[in-house]
C-alpha atoms as a PDB file:
ATOM      1  CA  MET A   1      13.600  -6.141 -47.352  1.00  0.00           C
ATOM      2  CA  THR A   2      15.509  -3.399 -44.445  1.00  0.00           C
ATOM      3  CA  ALA A   3      18.963  -4.149 -43.268  1.00  0.00           C
ATOM      4  CA  GLU A   4      17.523  -4.639 -39.999  1.00  0.00           C
ATOM      5  CA  LEU A   5      15.941  -8.058 -41.098  1.00  0.00           C
ATOM      6  CA  LEU A   6      18.965  -8.637 -43.091  1.00  0.00           C
ATOM      7  CA  ASP A   7      21.303  -8.510 -40.161  1.00  0.00           C
ATOM      8  CA  PRO A   8      21.137 -12.034 -38.172  1.00  0.00           C
ATOM      9  CA  ARG A   9      22.408  -9.704 -34.967  1.00  0.00           C
ATOM     10  CA  GLY A  10      19.752  -7.819 -35.154  1.00  0.00           C
ATOM     11  CA  ALA A  11      16.748 -10.644 -35.976  1.00  0.00           C
ATOM     12  CA  ALA A  12      18.568 -12.731 -33.222  1.00  0.00           C
ATOM     13  CA  ARG A  13      18.077  -9.477 -30.489  1.00  0.00           C
ATOM     14  CA  LEU A  14      14.247  -8.880 -32.080  1.00  0.00           C
ATOM     15  CA  ILE A  15      13.517 -12.323 -31.351  1.00  0.00           C
ATOM     16  CA  HIS A  16      14.902 -12.312 -27.799  1.00  0.00           C
ATOM     17  CA  GLU A  17      12.958  -9.200 -27.239  1.00  0.00           C
ATOM     18  CA  ASP A  18       9.839 -10.743 -28.484  1.00  0.00           C
ATOM     19  CA  ILE A  19       9.878 -14.432 -27.267  1.00  0.00           C
ATOM     20  CA  GLY A  20      13.278 -14.891 -24.978  1.00  0.00           C
ATOM     21  CA  GLU A  21      12.317 -11.541 -22.490  1.00  0.00           C
ATOM     22  CA  ARG A  22      11.814 -12.505 -19.268  1.00  0.00           C
ATOM     23  CA  PRO A  23       9.203 -11.299 -17.346  1.00  0.00           C
ATOM     24  CA  TRP A  24      10.851  -9.051 -14.837  1.00  0.00           C
ATOM     25  CA  ARG A  25      12.171  -7.241 -17.379  1.00  0.00           C
ATOM     26  CA  ARG A  26       9.410  -6.786 -19.506  1.00  0.00           C
ATOM     27  CA  THR A  27       7.567  -5.151 -16.478  1.00  0.00           C
ATOM     28  CA  LEU A  28      10.498  -3.024 -15.958  1.00  0.00           C
ATOM     29  CA  ARG A  29      10.574  -1.822 -19.710  1.00  0.00           C
ATOM     30  CA  LEU A  30       6.942  -1.544 -19.897  1.00  0.00           C
ATOM     31  CA  LEU A  31       6.779   0.351 -16.311  1.00  0.00           C
ATOM     32  CA  ALA A  32       9.600   3.007 -17.516  1.00  0.00           C
ATOM     33  CA  ARG A  33       7.335   4.048 -20.387  1.00  0.00           C
ATOM     34  CA  ARG A  34       4.379   5.380 -17.674  1.00  0.00           C
ATOM     35  CA  ARG A  35       6.107   8.526 -16.806  1.00  0.00           C
ATOM     36  CA  THR A  36       3.217   9.250 -14.106  1.00  0.00           C
ATOM     37  CA  ALA A  37       3.774   5.885 -13.020  1.00  0.00           C
ATOM     38  CA  LEU A  38       7.541   6.465 -12.214  1.00  0.00           C
ATOM     39  CA  ALA A  39       6.791   9.836 -10.978  1.00  0.00           C
ATOM     40  CA  GLY A  40       4.376   8.156  -8.113  1.00  0.00           C
ATOM     41  CA  LEU A  41       6.996   5.617  -7.354  1.00  0.00           C
ATOM     42  CA  GLY A  42       9.827   8.785  -7.303  1.00  0.00           C
ATOM     43  CA  VAL A  43       7.272  10.558  -4.462  1.00  0.00           C
ATOM     44  CA  VAL A  44       7.110   7.285  -2.473  1.00  0.00           C
ATOM     45  CA  LEU A  45      10.621   6.499  -2.205  1.00  0.00           C
ATOM     46  CA  PHE A  46      11.127   9.969  -1.375  1.00  0.00           C
ATOM     47  CA  PHE A  47       8.849   9.624   1.556  1.00  0.00           C
ATOM     48  CA  VAL A  48      10.607   6.256   2.513  1.00  0.00           C
ATOM     49  CA  ALA A  49      14.044   8.159   2.721  1.00  0.00           C
ATOM     50  CA  LEU A  50      12.112  10.666   4.848  1.00  0.00           C
ATOM     51  CA  ALA A  51      10.845   8.302   7.311  1.00  0.00           C
ATOM     52  CA  VAL A  52      14.086   6.447   7.582  1.00  0.00           C
ATOM     53  CA  LEU A  53      16.185   9.751   7.962  1.00  0.00           C
ATOM     54  CA  ALA A  54      13.956  11.382   9.787  1.00  0.00           C
ATOM     55  CA  PRO A  55      16.206  11.682  13.061  1.00  0.00           C
ATOM     56  CA  LEU A  56      19.049  13.173  10.778  1.00  0.00           C
ATOM     57  CA  VAL A  57      16.748  15.682   8.198  1.00  0.00           C
ATOM     58  CA  ALA A  58      14.132  17.038  11.115  1.00  0.00           C
ATOM     59  CA  PRO A  59      15.768  20.336  12.034  1.00  0.00           C
ATOM     60  CA  TYR A  60      14.195  19.950  15.438  1.00  0.00           C
ATOM     61  CA  SER A  61      12.674  17.528  17.734  1.00  0.00           C
ATOM     62  CA  PRO A  62       8.926  16.474  17.027  1.00  0.00           C
ATOM     63  CA  LEU A  63       8.069  16.901  20.766  1.00  0.00           C
ATOM     64  CA  ALA A  64      10.215  19.934  21.629  1.00  0.00           C
ATOM     65  CA  THR A  65       7.782  22.804  22.693  1.00  0.00           C
ATOM     66  CA  ASN A  66       8.494  26.548  23.369  1.00  0.00           C
ATOM     67  CA  TRP A  67       6.078  28.526  24.403  1.00  0.00           C
ATOM     68  CA  LEU A  68       7.324  31.916  23.007  1.00  0.00           C
ATOM     69  CA  LEU A  69       6.577  30.517  19.556  1.00  0.00           C
ATOM     70  CA  VAL A  70       3.052  29.302  19.821  1.00  0.00           C
ATOM     71  CA  ARG A  71       0.832  29.185  16.588  1.00  0.00           C
ATOM     72  CA  LYS A  72       3.773  31.052  14.796  1.00  0.00           C
ATOM     73  CA  PRO A  73       3.554  31.251  10.990  1.00  0.00           C
ATOM     74  CA  PRO A  74       6.108  29.673   8.313  1.00  0.00           C
ATOM     75  CA  SER A  75       9.350  31.636   8.864  1.00  0.00           C
ATOM     76  CA  ALA A  76      13.350  30.825   8.211  1.00  0.00           C
ATOM     77  CA  LEU A  77      13.521  29.283  11.494  1.00  0.00           C
ATOM     78  CA  HIS A  78      10.310  27.508  10.956  1.00  0.00           C
ATOM     79  CA  TRP A  79       9.678  26.487   7.398  1.00  0.00           C
ATOM     80  CA  PHE A  80       6.371  24.861   8.282  1.00  0.00           C
ATOM     81  CA  GLY A  81       5.574  27.016  10.752  1.00  0.00           C
ATOM     82  CA  THR A  82       4.709  25.950  14.362  1.00  0.00           C
ATOM     83  CA  ASP A  83       1.908  24.735  16.629  1.00  0.00           C
ATOM     84  CA  GLU A  84      -0.710  25.128  19.402  1.00  0.00           C
ATOM     85  CA  ILE A  85       2.286  24.181  21.699  1.00  0.00           C
ATOM     86  CA  GLY A  86       5.434  26.166  19.678  1.00  0.00           C
ATOM     87  CA  ARG A  87       6.427  22.511  18.219  1.00  0.00           C
ATOM     88  CA  ASP A  88       7.819  22.538  14.877  1.00  0.00           C
ATOM     89  CA  VAL A  89       5.193  21.431  12.541  1.00  0.00           C
ATOM     90  CA  LEU A  90       8.155  20.515   9.559  1.00  0.00           C
ATOM     91  CA  SER A  91       9.833  17.962  12.192  1.00  0.00           C
ATOM     92  CA  ARG A  92       6.544  16.839  12.983  1.00  0.00           C
ATOM     93  CA  VAL A  93       5.155  16.015   9.511  1.00  0.00           C
ATOM     94  CA  ILE A  94       8.722  14.226   8.671  1.00  0.00           C
ATOM     95  CA  TRP A  95       8.647  11.672  11.950  1.00  0.00           C
ATOM     96  CA  GLY A  96       4.845  11.654  11.176  1.00  0.00           C
ATOM     97  CA  THR A  97       5.816   9.885   8.178  1.00  0.00           C
ATOM     98  CA  ARG A  98       6.573   6.854   9.903  1.00  0.00           C
ATOM     99  CA  ALA A  99       3.758   6.253  11.211  1.00  0.00           C
ATOM    100  CA  SER A 100       1.875   6.465   7.928  1.00  0.00           C
ATOM    101  CA  LEU A 101       3.878   4.240   6.049  1.00  0.00           C
ATOM    102  CA  SER A 102       3.979   1.765   8.774  1.00  0.00           C
ATOM    103  CA  ALA A 103       0.124   1.454   8.602  1.00  0.00           C
ATOM    104  CA  GLY A 104       0.581   0.968   4.872  1.00  0.00           C
ATOM    105  CA  LEU A 105       3.058  -1.466   5.098  1.00  0.00           C
ATOM    106  CA  VAL A 106       2.498  -3.410   8.124  1.00  0.00           C
ATOM    107  CA  SER A 107      -1.608  -3.676   7.770  1.00  0.00           C
ATOM    108  CA  VAL A 108      -1.091  -4.887   3.908  1.00  0.00           C
ATOM    109  CA  SER A 109       1.303  -7.567   4.909  1.00  0.00           C
ATOM    110  CA  LEU A 110      -1.303  -8.557   7.703  1.00  0.00           C
ATOM    111  CA  ALA A 111      -3.780  -8.886   4.910  1.00  0.00           C
ATOM    112  CA  LEU A 112      -2.137 -10.499   2.442  1.00  0.00           C
ATOM    113  CA  ALA A 113      -0.531 -13.265   5.170  1.00  0.00           C
ATOM    114  CA  ALA A 114      -4.498 -13.708   5.912  1.00  0.00           C
ATOM    115  CA  GLY A 115      -6.098 -13.099   2.737  1.00  0.00           C
ATOM    116  CA  VAL A 116      -4.109 -15.040   0.541  1.00  0.00           C
ATOM    117  CA  PRO A 117      -3.918 -18.640   2.389  1.00  0.00           C
ATOM    118  CA  ILE A 118      -7.882 -18.292   2.678  1.00  0.00           C
ATOM    119  CA  GLY A 119      -8.048 -17.425  -0.668  1.00  0.00           C
ATOM    120  CA  LEU A 120      -5.722 -20.369  -2.300  1.00  0.00           C
ATOM    121  CA  VAL A 121      -7.714 -23.020   0.108  1.00  0.00           C
ATOM    122  CA  SER A 122     -11.233 -21.725  -1.070  1.00  0.00           C
ATOM    123  CA  GLY A 123     -10.595 -21.446  -4.754  1.00  0.00           C
ATOM    124  CA  TYR A 124      -8.754 -24.670  -4.964  1.00  0.00           C
ATOM    125  CA  LEU A 125     -10.944 -27.011  -2.848  1.00  0.00           C
ATOM    126  CA  GLY A 126     -14.323 -25.816  -3.660  1.00  0.00           C
ATOM    127  CA  GLY A 127     -17.207 -27.119  -2.618  1.00  0.00           C
ATOM    128  CA  ILE A 128     -18.339 -26.826   1.501  1.00  0.00           C
ATOM    129  CA  VAL A 129     -14.781 -25.370   2.300  1.00  0.00           C
ATOM    130  CA  ASP A 130     -15.761 -22.393  -0.484  1.00  0.00           C
ATOM    131  CA  GLY A 131     -18.823 -22.114   0.635  1.00  0.00           C
ATOM    132  CA  THR A 132     -18.426 -21.942   4.215  1.00  0.00           C
ATOM    133  CA  LEU A 133     -15.147 -19.346   4.062  1.00  0.00           C
ATOM    134  CA  MET A 134     -16.907 -17.355   1.001  1.00  0.00           C
ATOM    135  CA  ARG A 135     -19.997 -16.907   3.412  1.00  0.00           C
ATOM    136  CA  MET A 136     -17.716 -15.477   5.949  1.00  0.00           C
ATOM    137  CA  VAL A 137     -15.809 -12.968   3.797  1.00  0.00           C
ATOM    138  CA  ASP A 138     -19.182 -11.948   2.488  1.00  0.00           C
ATOM    139  CA  ALA A 139     -20.174 -11.075   5.690  1.00  0.00           C
ATOM    140  CA  MET A 140     -17.365  -8.941   6.380  1.00  0.00           C
ATOM    141  CA  LEU A 141     -17.584  -7.521   2.947  1.00  0.00           C
ATOM    142  CA  ALA A 142     -21.145  -6.381   4.304  1.00  0.00           C
ATOM    143  CA  ILE A 143     -19.808  -4.223   6.988  1.00  0.00           C
ATOM    144  CA  PRO A 144     -17.912  -1.040   5.058  1.00  0.00           C
ATOM    145  CA  PHE A 145     -13.970  -0.790   5.280  1.00  0.00           C
ATOM    146  CA  LEU A 146     -13.607   2.301   7.362  1.00  0.00           C
ATOM    147  CA  ILE A 147     -16.476   1.539   9.605  1.00  0.00           C
ATOM    148  CA  LEU A 148     -15.044  -2.306  10.530  1.00  0.00           C
ATOM    149  CA  ALA A 149     -11.702  -0.800  11.073  1.00  0.00           C
ATOM    150  CA  ILE A 150     -13.066   1.465  13.706  1.00  0.00           C
ATOM    151  CA  ALA A 151     -14.919  -0.813  15.269  1.00  0.00           C
ATOM    152  CA  LEU A 152     -12.012  -3.130  15.737  1.00  0.00           C
ATOM    153  CA  ALA A 153     -10.046  -0.573  16.908  1.00  0.00           C
ATOM    154  CA  ALA A 154     -12.047   0.437  19.324  1.00  0.00           C
ATOM    155  CA  PHE A 155     -12.256  -2.911  20.446  1.00  0.00           C
ATOM    156  CA  LEU A 156      -8.599  -3.276  20.473  1.00  0.00           C
ATOM    157  CA  GLY A 157      -7.466   0.117  22.451  1.00  0.00           C
ATOM    158  CA  PRO A 158      -6.025   3.266  21.397  1.00  0.00           C
ATOM    159  CA  SER A 159      -2.752   2.794  19.639  1.00  0.00           C
ATOM    160  CA  LEU A 160      -0.926   2.458  16.041  1.00  0.00           C
ATOM    161  CA  ALA A 161      -0.365  -1.123  16.851  1.00  0.00           C
ATOM    162  CA  ASN A 162      -3.936  -1.948  16.937  1.00  0.00           C
ATOM    163  CA  ALA A 163      -5.076   0.703  14.448  1.00  0.00           C
ATOM    164  CA  MET A 164      -2.646  -1.533  11.869  1.00  0.00           C
ATOM    165  CA  ILE A 165      -4.229  -4.419  13.230  1.00  0.00           C
ATOM    166  CA  ALA A 166      -7.386  -3.254  12.610  1.00  0.00           C
ATOM    167  CA  ILE A 167      -6.780  -2.170   9.082  1.00  0.00           C
ATOM    168  CA  GLY A 168      -5.013  -5.520   8.368  1.00  0.00           C
ATOM    169  CA  VAL A 169      -8.013  -7.230   9.100  1.00  0.00           C
ATOM    170  CA  SER A 170     -10.025  -4.950   7.652  1.00  0.00           C
ATOM    171  CA  GLN A 171      -8.504  -5.871   4.085  1.00  0.00           C
ATOM    172  CA  THR A 172      -8.153  -9.427   4.771  1.00  0.00           C
ATOM    173  CA  PRO A 173     -11.557 -10.132   2.970  1.00  0.00           C
ATOM    174  CA  ILE A 174     -10.497  -8.042  -0.398  1.00  0.00           C
ATOM    175  CA  PHE A 175      -7.182 -10.623  -0.623  1.00  0.00           C
ATOM    176  CA  ALA A 176      -9.516 -13.402   0.193  1.00  0.00           C
ATOM    177  CA  ARG A 177     -11.864 -12.644  -2.621  1.00  0.00           C
ATOM    178  CA  LEU A 178      -9.048 -11.816  -5.264  1.00  0.00           C
ATOM    179  CA  THR A 179      -6.844 -14.746  -4.888  1.00  0.00           C
ATOM    180  CA  ARG A 180      -9.564 -17.285  -4.810  1.00  0.00           C
ATOM    181  CA  GLY A 181     -10.905 -15.489  -8.133  1.00  0.00           C
ATOM    182  CA  GLN A 182      -7.260 -15.988  -9.486  1.00  0.00           C
ATOM    183  CA  VAL A 183      -7.248 -19.594  -8.513  1.00  0.00           C
ATOM    184  CA  LEU A 184     -10.367 -20.407 -10.252  1.00  0.00           C
ATOM    185  CA  THR A 185      -9.677 -18.935 -13.122  1.00  0.00           C
ATOM    186  CA  VAL A 186      -5.925 -20.419 -13.524  1.00  0.00           C
ATOM    187  CA  LYS A 187      -6.709 -23.907 -11.488  1.00  0.00           C
ATOM    188  CA  HIS A 188      -8.280 -25.586 -14.954  1.00  0.00           C
ATOM    189  CA  GLU A 189      -5.038 -24.474 -17.102  1.00  0.00           C
ATOM    190  CA  ASP A 190      -3.127 -26.735 -19.115  1.00  0.00           C
ATOM    191  CA  TYR A 191      -0.188 -26.406 -16.888  1.00  0.00           C
ATOM    192  CA  ILE A 192      -1.890 -27.183 -13.853  1.00  0.00           C
ATOM    193  CA  GLU A 193      -3.626 -30.364 -15.276  1.00  0.00           C
ATOM    194  CA  ALA A 194      -0.347 -31.323 -16.576  1.00  0.00           C
ATOM    195  CA  ALA A 195       1.594 -30.989 -12.730  1.00  0.00           C
ATOM    196  CA  ARG A 196      -1.291 -32.813 -11.690  1.00  0.00           C
ATOM    197  CA  ALA A 197      -0.758 -35.728 -14.170  1.00  0.00           C
ATOM    198  CA  VAL A 198       3.052 -36.265 -12.905  1.00  0.00           C
ATOM    199  CA  GLY A 199       1.895 -36.837  -9.743  1.00  0.00           C
ATOM    200  CA  ASN A 200       2.606 -33.573  -7.693  1.00  0.00           C
ATOM    201  CA  ARG A 201       1.014 -33.541  -4.417  1.00  0.00           C
ATOM    202  CA  GLU A 202      -1.787 -31.040  -3.931  1.00  0.00           C
ATOM    203  CA  TYR A 203       0.270 -28.467  -2.053  1.00  0.00           C
ATOM    204  CA  ARG A 204       3.021 -28.904  -4.023  1.00  0.00           C
ATOM    205  CA  ILE A 205       0.506 -27.699  -7.216  1.00  0.00           C
ATOM    206  CA  VAL A 206      -0.748 -24.621  -4.902  1.00  0.00           C
ATOM    207  CA  LEU A 207       2.898 -23.539  -3.686  1.00  0.00           C
ATOM    208  CA  ARG A 208       4.450 -23.950  -6.791  1.00  0.00           C
ATOM    209  CA  HIS A 209       2.512 -23.386  -9.986  1.00  0.00           C
ATOM    210  CA  ILE A 210      -0.382 -21.747  -8.530  1.00  0.00           C
ATOM    211  CA  LEU A 211       0.816 -18.970  -6.149  1.00  0.00           C
ATOM    212  CA  PRO A 212       3.461 -17.490  -8.703  1.00  0.00           C
ATOM    213  CA  ASN A 213       0.807 -17.519 -11.607  1.00  0.00           C
ATOM    214  CA  ILE A 214      -1.469 -15.178  -9.313  1.00  0.00           C
ATOM    215  CA  VAL A 215       1.281 -12.759  -7.978  1.00  0.00           C
ATOM    216  CA  PRO A 216       0.740  -9.755 -10.414  1.00  0.00           C
ATOM    217  CA  PRO A 217      -2.834  -8.729  -9.553  1.00  0.00           C
ATOM    218  CA  LEU A 218      -2.073  -9.437  -5.912  1.00  0.00           C
ATOM    219  CA  LEU A 219       1.232  -6.787  -6.065  1.00  0.00           C
ATOM    220  CA  VAL A 220      -1.243  -4.431  -7.520  1.00  0.00           C
ATOM    221  CA  GLN A 221      -3.749  -4.847  -5.403  1.00  0.00           C
ATOM    222  CA  ALA A 222      -1.307  -4.625  -2.278  1.00  0.00           C
ATOM    223  CA  THR A 223       0.037  -1.301  -3.920  1.00  0.00           C
ATOM    224  CA  LEU A 224      -3.397   0.153  -4.126  1.00  0.00           C
ATOM    225  CA  ALA A 225      -4.982  -1.156  -0.480  1.00  0.00           C
ATOM    226  CA  ALA A 226      -1.831   0.489   1.163  1.00  0.00           C
ATOM    227  CA  ALA A 227      -3.076   3.965  -0.167  1.00  0.00           C
ATOM    228  CA  THR A 228      -6.170   2.855   1.357  1.00  0.00           C
ATOM    229  CA  ALA A 229      -4.793   1.817   4.680  1.00  0.00           C
ATOM    230  CA  ILE A 230      -2.749   5.158   4.932  1.00  0.00           C
ATOM    231  CA  ILE A 231      -5.826   7.087   4.694  1.00  0.00           C
ATOM    232  CA  ALA A 232      -7.577   4.748   7.230  1.00  0.00           C
ATOM    233  CA  GLU A 233      -4.744   5.172   9.433  1.00  0.00           C
ATOM    234  CA  ALA A 234      -5.027   8.959   9.238  1.00  0.00           C
ATOM    235  CA  ALA A 235      -9.020   8.560  10.236  1.00  0.00           C
ATOM    236  CA  LEU A 236      -8.370   6.458  13.061  1.00  0.00           C
ATOM    237  CA  SER A 237      -5.445   8.589  14.491  1.00  0.00           C
ATOM    238  CA  PHE A 238      -7.985  11.585  13.730  1.00  0.00           C
ATOM    239  CA  LEU A 239     -10.543   9.751  15.816  1.00  0.00           C
ATOM    240  CA  GLY A 240      -8.000   9.405  18.589  1.00  0.00           C
ATOM    241  CA  LEU A 241      -7.654   5.590  17.969  1.00  0.00           C
ATOM    242  CA  GLY A 242      -4.272   5.488  16.230  1.00  0.00           C
ATOM    243  CA  GLU A 243      -1.401   6.897  17.496  1.00  0.00           C
ATOM    244  CA  GLN A 244      -1.283   8.743  20.201  1.00  0.00           C
ATOM    245  CA  PRO A 245      -0.104  12.438  21.522  1.00  0.00           C
ATOM    246  CA  PRO A 246       2.362  13.563  21.817  1.00  0.00           C
ATOM    247  CA  ASP A 247       4.048  10.987  18.972  1.00  0.00           C
ATOM    248  CA  PRO A 248       3.344  12.515  15.624  1.00  0.00           C
ATOM    249  CA  SER A 249       1.031  11.269  13.497  1.00  0.00           C
ATOM    250  CA  TRP A 250      -0.556  13.093  10.308  1.00  0.00           C
ATOM    251  CA  GLY A 251      -4.163  12.222  11.370  1.00  0.00           C
ATOM    252  CA  SER A 252      -3.672  13.333  14.884  1.00  0.00           C
ATOM    253  CA  MET A 253      -1.852  16.715  13.567  1.00  0.00           C
ATOM    254  CA  LEU A 254      -5.047  17.376  11.641  1.00  0.00           C
ATOM    255  CA  ASN A 255      -7.562  16.729  14.748  1.00  0.00           C
ATOM    256  CA  THR A 256      -5.207  19.195  16.450  1.00  0.00           C
ATOM    257  CA  ALA A 257      -5.194  21.729  13.423  1.00  0.00           C
ATOM    258  CA  LYS A 258      -8.938  21.517  13.337  1.00  0.00           C
ATOM    259  CA  ASN A 259      -9.344  23.800  16.462  1.00  0.00           C
ATOM    260  CA  PHE A 260      -7.286  26.690  15.018  1.00  0.00           C
ATOM    261  CA  ILE A 261      -8.199  26.490  11.286  1.00  0.00           C
ATOM    262  CA  SER A 262      -8.683  30.282  11.158  1.00  0.00           C
ATOM    263  CA  GLN A 263      -5.958  31.328  13.181  1.00  0.00           C
ATOM    264  CA  ALA A 264      -2.963  28.914  12.129  1.00  0.00           C
ATOM    265  CA  PRO A 265      -4.337  27.261   8.668  1.00  0.00           C
ATOM    266  CA  TRP A 266      -0.534  25.927   8.247  1.00  0.00           C
ATOM    267  CA  MET A 267      -1.099  23.676  11.359  1.00  0.00           C
ATOM    268  CA  ALA A 268      -3.751  21.483   8.509  1.00  0.00           C
ATOM    269  CA  LEU A 269      -2.370  22.431   5.316  1.00  0.00           C
ATOM    270  CA  TRP A 270       1.045  20.297   5.582  1.00  0.00           C
ATOM    271  CA  PRO A 271      -0.227  17.017   6.826  1.00  0.00           C
ATOM    272  CA  GLY A 272      -2.942  17.224   4.948  1.00  0.00           C
ATOM    273  CA  LEU A 273      -0.751  17.852   1.716  1.00  0.00           C
ATOM    274  CA  ALA A 274       1.334  14.992   3.034  1.00  0.00           C
ATOM    275  CA  ILE A 275      -1.474  12.594   3.106  1.00  0.00           C
ATOM    276  CA  PHE A 276      -2.726  13.683  -0.322  1.00  0.00           C
ATOM    277  CA  MET A 277       0.745  13.463  -2.039  1.00  0.00           C
ATOM    278  CA  LEU A 278       1.577   9.940  -0.576  1.00  0.00           C
ATOM    279  CA  VAL A 279      -1.464   8.407  -1.737  1.00  0.00           C
ATOM    280  CA  LEU A 280      -1.770   9.831  -4.917  1.00  0.00           C
ATOM    281  CA  SER A 281       1.839   8.959  -5.943  1.00  0.00           C
ATOM    282  CA  LEU A 282       0.719   5.328  -4.514  1.00  0.00           C
ATOM    283  CA  ASN A 283      -2.362   5.122  -6.745  1.00  0.00           C
ATOM    284  CA  LEU A 284      -0.431   6.513  -9.915  1.00  0.00           C
ATOM    285  CA  PHE A 285       2.302   3.833  -9.029  1.00  0.00           C
ATOM    286  CA  GLY A 286      -0.047   1.001  -8.759  1.00  0.00           C
ATOM    287  CA  ASP A 287      -1.983   1.982 -12.069  1.00  0.00           C
ATOM    288  CA  GLY A 288       1.334   1.871 -13.678  1.00  0.00           C
ATOM    289  CA  LEU A 289       2.121  -1.171 -12.266  1.00  0.00           C
ATOM    290  CA  ARG A 290      -1.255  -2.679 -13.168  1.00  0.00           C
ATOM    291  CA  ASP A 291      -0.319  -2.080 -16.830  1.00  0.00           C
ATOM    292  CA  ALA A 292       3.122  -2.931 -16.805  1.00  0.00           C
ATOM    293  CA  LEU A 293       2.025  -6.587 -15.735  1.00  0.00           C
ATOM    294  CA  ASP A 294      -0.822  -6.811 -17.735  1.00  0.00           C
ATOM    295  CA  PRO A 295       0.307  -9.546 -20.692  1.00  0.00           C
ATOM    296  CA  ARG A 296      -2.199  -8.200 -23.227  1.00  0.00           C
ATOM    297  CA  ARG A 297       0.226  -5.278 -23.364  1.00  0.00           C
ATOM    298  CA  SER A 298       3.665  -5.100 -25.169  1.00  0.00           C
END
């Protein structure tokens, strides 16, 4: 036998790691092993810091124009160059981070707030309630996500707030379906039957026993849905249905840049690269989080 097995303290430590480890510590330990996930999280936190500190880190006002510096290439004074009316592209990219992150956070929160209760009720009650709710969800899923978001945004009117509502509504069926599937998986587990046998009310079983046990897949889906929401917000702004000029948004910046792609390619390069980096980072972090929350992994 090895010295490690003979050492009582070492044995206790091994037992604690294998049996008594808290779920959140296990998740952090597994997540720390995935360098791509940590790199993605680092980039996301960098963009969050940019959005929060935009007034401090942006070198110029995102709305300030200078007709003497129209479509100037990157330089020491304007690292990302200037746009068609002399505004600093770097400052507008930094301030545009707020619109994209707001779209990801608010729209996913709306989708969770609407989709999770629908999925809980549908999956737990079953029967005609389940059939009715899921047919409504199926009808929404039959429409492509971006087409539905564009239609809702056009109906509500062009603004960032309406774009976030449209994206949130469009993503609600995904969370409703996922929640229902998870509820159907766990509602017949032994611990649920035990909670019912000791006299717990139905709402308590759902909120205290079922919901906490289906949170991990919802967290993973929320991370991936935030990346989709950022792309959708950029698409809506590109079409004029999101953030309205002159307020900066990566999508509206790309819309303007398309007219000057040959004369000033930097106008399209930087907002496009920002969208790419943020979406890629969210997907990398989401994949790592999914692996870390998988109970079959250790």
